[in-house]
């Protein structure tokens, strides 16, 4: 896989890597891992809510009254 960044993105990544004392590749790979973990959790939560809210809709409505 090839990741193409524009000049601003490359510069920001380079600065961040230097600040952390890590390679640009390490910083980018960590960013990808963080993104996947964050969005996976959000997707799972959305799926659970989509399935469970209708199941308890009547009870939730009564609680809101």
N, C-alpha and C. Protein backbone atom coordinates (compact mmCIF):
# COMPACT_ATOMS: atom_id res chain seq x y z
N UNK A 1 0.84 -1.18 0.00
CA UNK A 1 0.00 0.00 0.00
C UNK A 1 0.89 1.24 0.00
N UNK A 2 0.48 2.22 -0.75
CA UNK A 2 1.18 3.49 -0.78
C UNK A 2 0.25 4.57 -0.26
N UNK A 3 0.73 5.34 0.67
CA UNK A 3 -0.05 6.43 1.23
C UNK A 3 0.51 7.74 0.69
N UNK A 4 -0.32 8.47 -0.01
CA UNK A 4 0.13 9.74 -0.58
C UNK A 4 -0.44 10.88 0.25
N UNK A 5 0.43 11.71 0.76
CA UNK A 5 0.04 12.86 1.55
C UNK A 5 0.40 14.13 0.79
N UNK A 6 -0.38 15.18 1.02
CA UNK A 6 0.00 16.45 0.42
C UNK A 6 1.13 17.06 1.26
N UNK A 7 1.65 18.18 0.81
CA UNK A 7 2.80 18.79 1.48
C UNK A 7 2.51 19.17 2.93
N UNK A 8 1.32 19.69 3.18
CA UNK A 8 0.96 20.08 4.55
C UNK A 8 0.86 18.86 5.45
N UNK A 9 0.23 17.81 4.97
CA UNK A 9 0.10 16.59 5.76
C UNK A 9 1.47 15.97 6.05
N UNK A 10 2.32 15.96 5.04
CA UNK A 10 3.67 15.41 5.22
C UNK A 10 4.44 16.21 6.25
N UNK A 11 4.34 17.52 6.16
CA UNK A 11 5.04 18.39 7.11
C UNK A 11 4.53 18.18 8.53
N UNK A 12 3.22 18.11 8.69
CA UNK A 12 2.63 17.90 10.02
C UNK A 12 3.04 16.55 10.58
N UNK A 13 3.02 15.53 9.75
CA UNK A 13 3.42 14.20 10.19
C UNK A 13 4.89 14.18 10.58
N UNK A 14 5.72 14.82 9.79
CA UNK A 14 7.15 14.87 10.08
C UNK A 14 7.40 15.56 11.42
N UNK A 15 6.74 16.70 11.65
CA UNK A 15 6.91 17.44 12.91
C UNK A 15 6.45 16.60 14.10
N UNK A 16 5.31 15.92 13.96
CA UNK A 16 4.81 15.11 15.05
C UNK A 16 5.75 13.95 15.35
N UNK A 17 6.25 13.32 14.32
CA UNK A 17 7.19 12.21 14.50
C UNK A 17 8.46 12.69 15.20
N UNK A 18 8.95 13.85 14.81
CA UNK A 18 10.14 14.40 15.45
C UNK A 18 9.89 14.70 16.92
N UNK A 19 8.72 15.28 17.22
CA UNK A 19 8.37 15.58 18.61
C UNK A 19 8.32 14.33 19.47
N UNK A 20 7.84 13.25 18.89
CA UNK A 20 7.69 11.99 19.62
C UNK A 20 8.95 11.12 19.57
N UNK A 21 9.90 11.51 18.74
CA UNK A 21 11.11 10.69 18.59
C UNK A 21 10.81 9.35 17.92
N UNK A 22 9.85 9.37 17.03
CA UNK A 22 9.47 8.16 16.30
C UNK A 22 9.53 8.44 14.81
N UNK A 23 9.44 7.37 14.03
CA UNK A 23 9.44 7.55 12.58
C UNK A 23 8.06 8.01 12.12
N UNK A 24 8.04 8.60 10.95
CA UNK A 24 6.76 9.01 10.37
C UNK A 24 5.87 7.79 10.16
N UNK A 25 6.46 6.68 9.76
CA UNK A 25 5.69 5.46 9.54
C UNK A 25 5.05 4.98 10.84
N UNK A 26 5.79 5.02 11.94
CA UNK A 26 5.23 4.60 13.23
C UNK A 26 4.04 5.47 13.64
N UNK A 27 4.19 6.76 13.47
CA UNK A 27 3.12 7.69 13.84
C UNK A 27 1.88 7.46 12.96
N UNK A 28 2.09 7.29 11.67
CA UNK A 28 0.98 7.06 10.75
C UNK A 28 0.28 5.73 11.04
N UNK A 29 1.05 4.69 11.30
CA UNK A 29 0.45 3.39 11.61
C UNK A 29 -0.35 3.44 12.90
N UNK A 30 0.14 4.16 13.91
CA UNK A 30 -0.60 4.30 15.15
C UNK A 30 -1.90 5.07 14.92
N UNK A 31 -1.84 6.09 14.09
CA UNK A 31 -3.04 6.86 13.76
C UNK A 31 -4.09 5.98 13.09
N UNK A 32 -3.66 5.10 12.21
CA UNK A 32 -4.59 4.19 11.54
C UNK A 32 -5.19 3.23 12.56
N UNK A 33 -4.36 2.66 13.43
CA UNK A 33 -4.87 1.74 14.46
C UNK A 33 -5.88 2.44 15.36
N UNK A 34 -5.57 3.66 15.79
CA UNK A 34 -6.48 4.42 16.65
C UNK A 34 -7.81 4.68 15.94
N UNK A 35 -7.74 5.06 14.68
CA UNK A 35 -8.94 5.33 13.90
C UNK A 35 -9.82 4.09 13.77
N UNK A 36 -9.20 2.97 13.43
CA UNK A 36 -9.96 1.73 13.25
C UNK A 36 -10.60 1.32 14.56
N UNK A 37 -9.87 1.40 15.65
CA UNK A 37 -10.43 1.03 16.95
C UNK A 37 -11.61 1.94 17.32
N UNK A 38 -11.43 3.22 17.13
CA UNK A 38 -12.47 4.20 17.48
C UNK A 38 -13.72 4.00 16.64
N UNK A 39 -13.56 3.85 15.35
CA UNK A 39 -14.72 3.71 14.48
C UNK A 39 -15.36 2.33 14.62
N UNK A 40 -14.58 1.30 14.91
CA UNK A 40 -15.14 -0.03 15.13
C UNK A 40 -16.06 -0.03 16.34
N UNK A 41 -15.63 0.62 17.42
CA UNK A 41 -16.45 0.70 18.62
C UNK A 41 -17.73 1.47 18.34
N UNK A 42 -17.61 2.56 17.61
CA UNK A 42 -18.77 3.39 17.28
C UNK A 42 -19.76 2.59 16.43
N UNK A 43 -19.25 1.85 15.45
CA UNK A 43 -20.10 1.04 14.58
C UNK A 43 -20.81 -0.04 15.38
N UNK A 44 -20.09 -0.70 16.28
CA UNK A 44 -20.69 -1.74 17.11
C UNK A 44 -21.78 -1.15 18.00
N UNK A 45 -21.50 -0.02 18.61
CA UNK A 45 -22.50 0.63 19.47
C UNK A 45 -23.73 1.01 18.66
N UNK A 46 -23.54 1.57 17.48
CA UNK A 46 -24.68 1.92 16.62
C UNK A 46 -25.52 0.69 16.28
N UNK A 47 -24.86 -0.42 16.00
CA UNK A 47 -25.59 -1.65 15.67
C UNK A 47 -26.41 -2.14 16.86
N UNK A 48 -25.81 -2.12 18.03
CA UNK A 48 -26.51 -2.57 19.24
C UNK A 48 -27.70 -1.67 19.51
N UNK A 49 -27.49 -0.36 19.41
CA UNK A 49 -28.59 0.57 19.66
C UNK A 49 -29.71 0.39 18.65
N UNK A 50 -29.35 0.21 17.39
CA UNK A 50 -30.37 0.00 16.34
C UNK A 50 -31.21 -1.25 16.62
N UNK A 51 -30.60 -2.25 17.22
CA UNK A 51 -31.31 -3.49 17.52
C UNK A 51 -32.10 -3.41 18.82
N UNK A 52 -31.55 -2.75 19.83
CA UNK A 52 -32.15 -2.78 21.16
C UNK A 52 -33.17 -1.67 21.41
N UNK A 53 -32.98 -0.50 20.85
CA UNK A 53 -33.92 0.60 21.12
C UNK A 53 -35.34 0.25 20.68
N UNK A 54 -35.54 -0.30 19.48
CA UNK A 54 -36.91 -0.67 19.11
C UNK A 54 -37.51 -1.71 20.08
N UNK A 55 -36.67 -2.58 20.55
CA UNK A 55 -37.12 -3.63 21.48
C UNK A 55 -37.66 -3.04 22.77
N UNK A 56 -37.07 -1.95 23.23
CA UNK A 56 -37.47 -1.32 24.49
C UNK A 56 -38.19 0.01 24.28
N UNK A 57 -38.62 0.27 23.07
CA UNK A 57 -39.24 1.57 22.74
C UNK A 57 -40.43 1.88 23.62
N UNK A 58 -41.29 0.91 23.83
CA UNK A 58 -42.49 1.15 24.64
C UNK A 58 -42.12 1.50 26.08
N UNK A 59 -41.19 0.76 26.65
CA UNK A 59 -40.76 1.03 28.02
C UNK A 59 -40.08 2.40 28.11
N UNK A 60 -39.28 2.73 27.15
CA UNK A 60 -38.60 4.03 27.15
C UNK A 60 -39.61 5.15 27.02
N UNK A 61 -40.61 4.94 26.22
CA UNK A 61 -41.65 5.97 26.04
C UNK A 61 -42.39 6.18 27.36
N UNK A 62 -42.74 5.09 28.05
CA UNK A 62 -43.44 5.22 29.33
C UNK A 62 -42.57 5.91 30.37
N UNK A 63 -41.28 5.62 30.37
CA UNK A 63 -40.37 6.28 31.31
C UNK A 63 -40.28 7.78 31.05
N UNK A 64 -40.44 8.16 29.81
CA UNK A 64 -40.36 9.58 29.44
C UNK A 64 -41.60 10.37 29.79
N UNK A 65 -42.66 9.71 30.17
CA UNK A 65 -43.92 10.40 30.49
C UNK A 65 -43.98 10.84 31.93
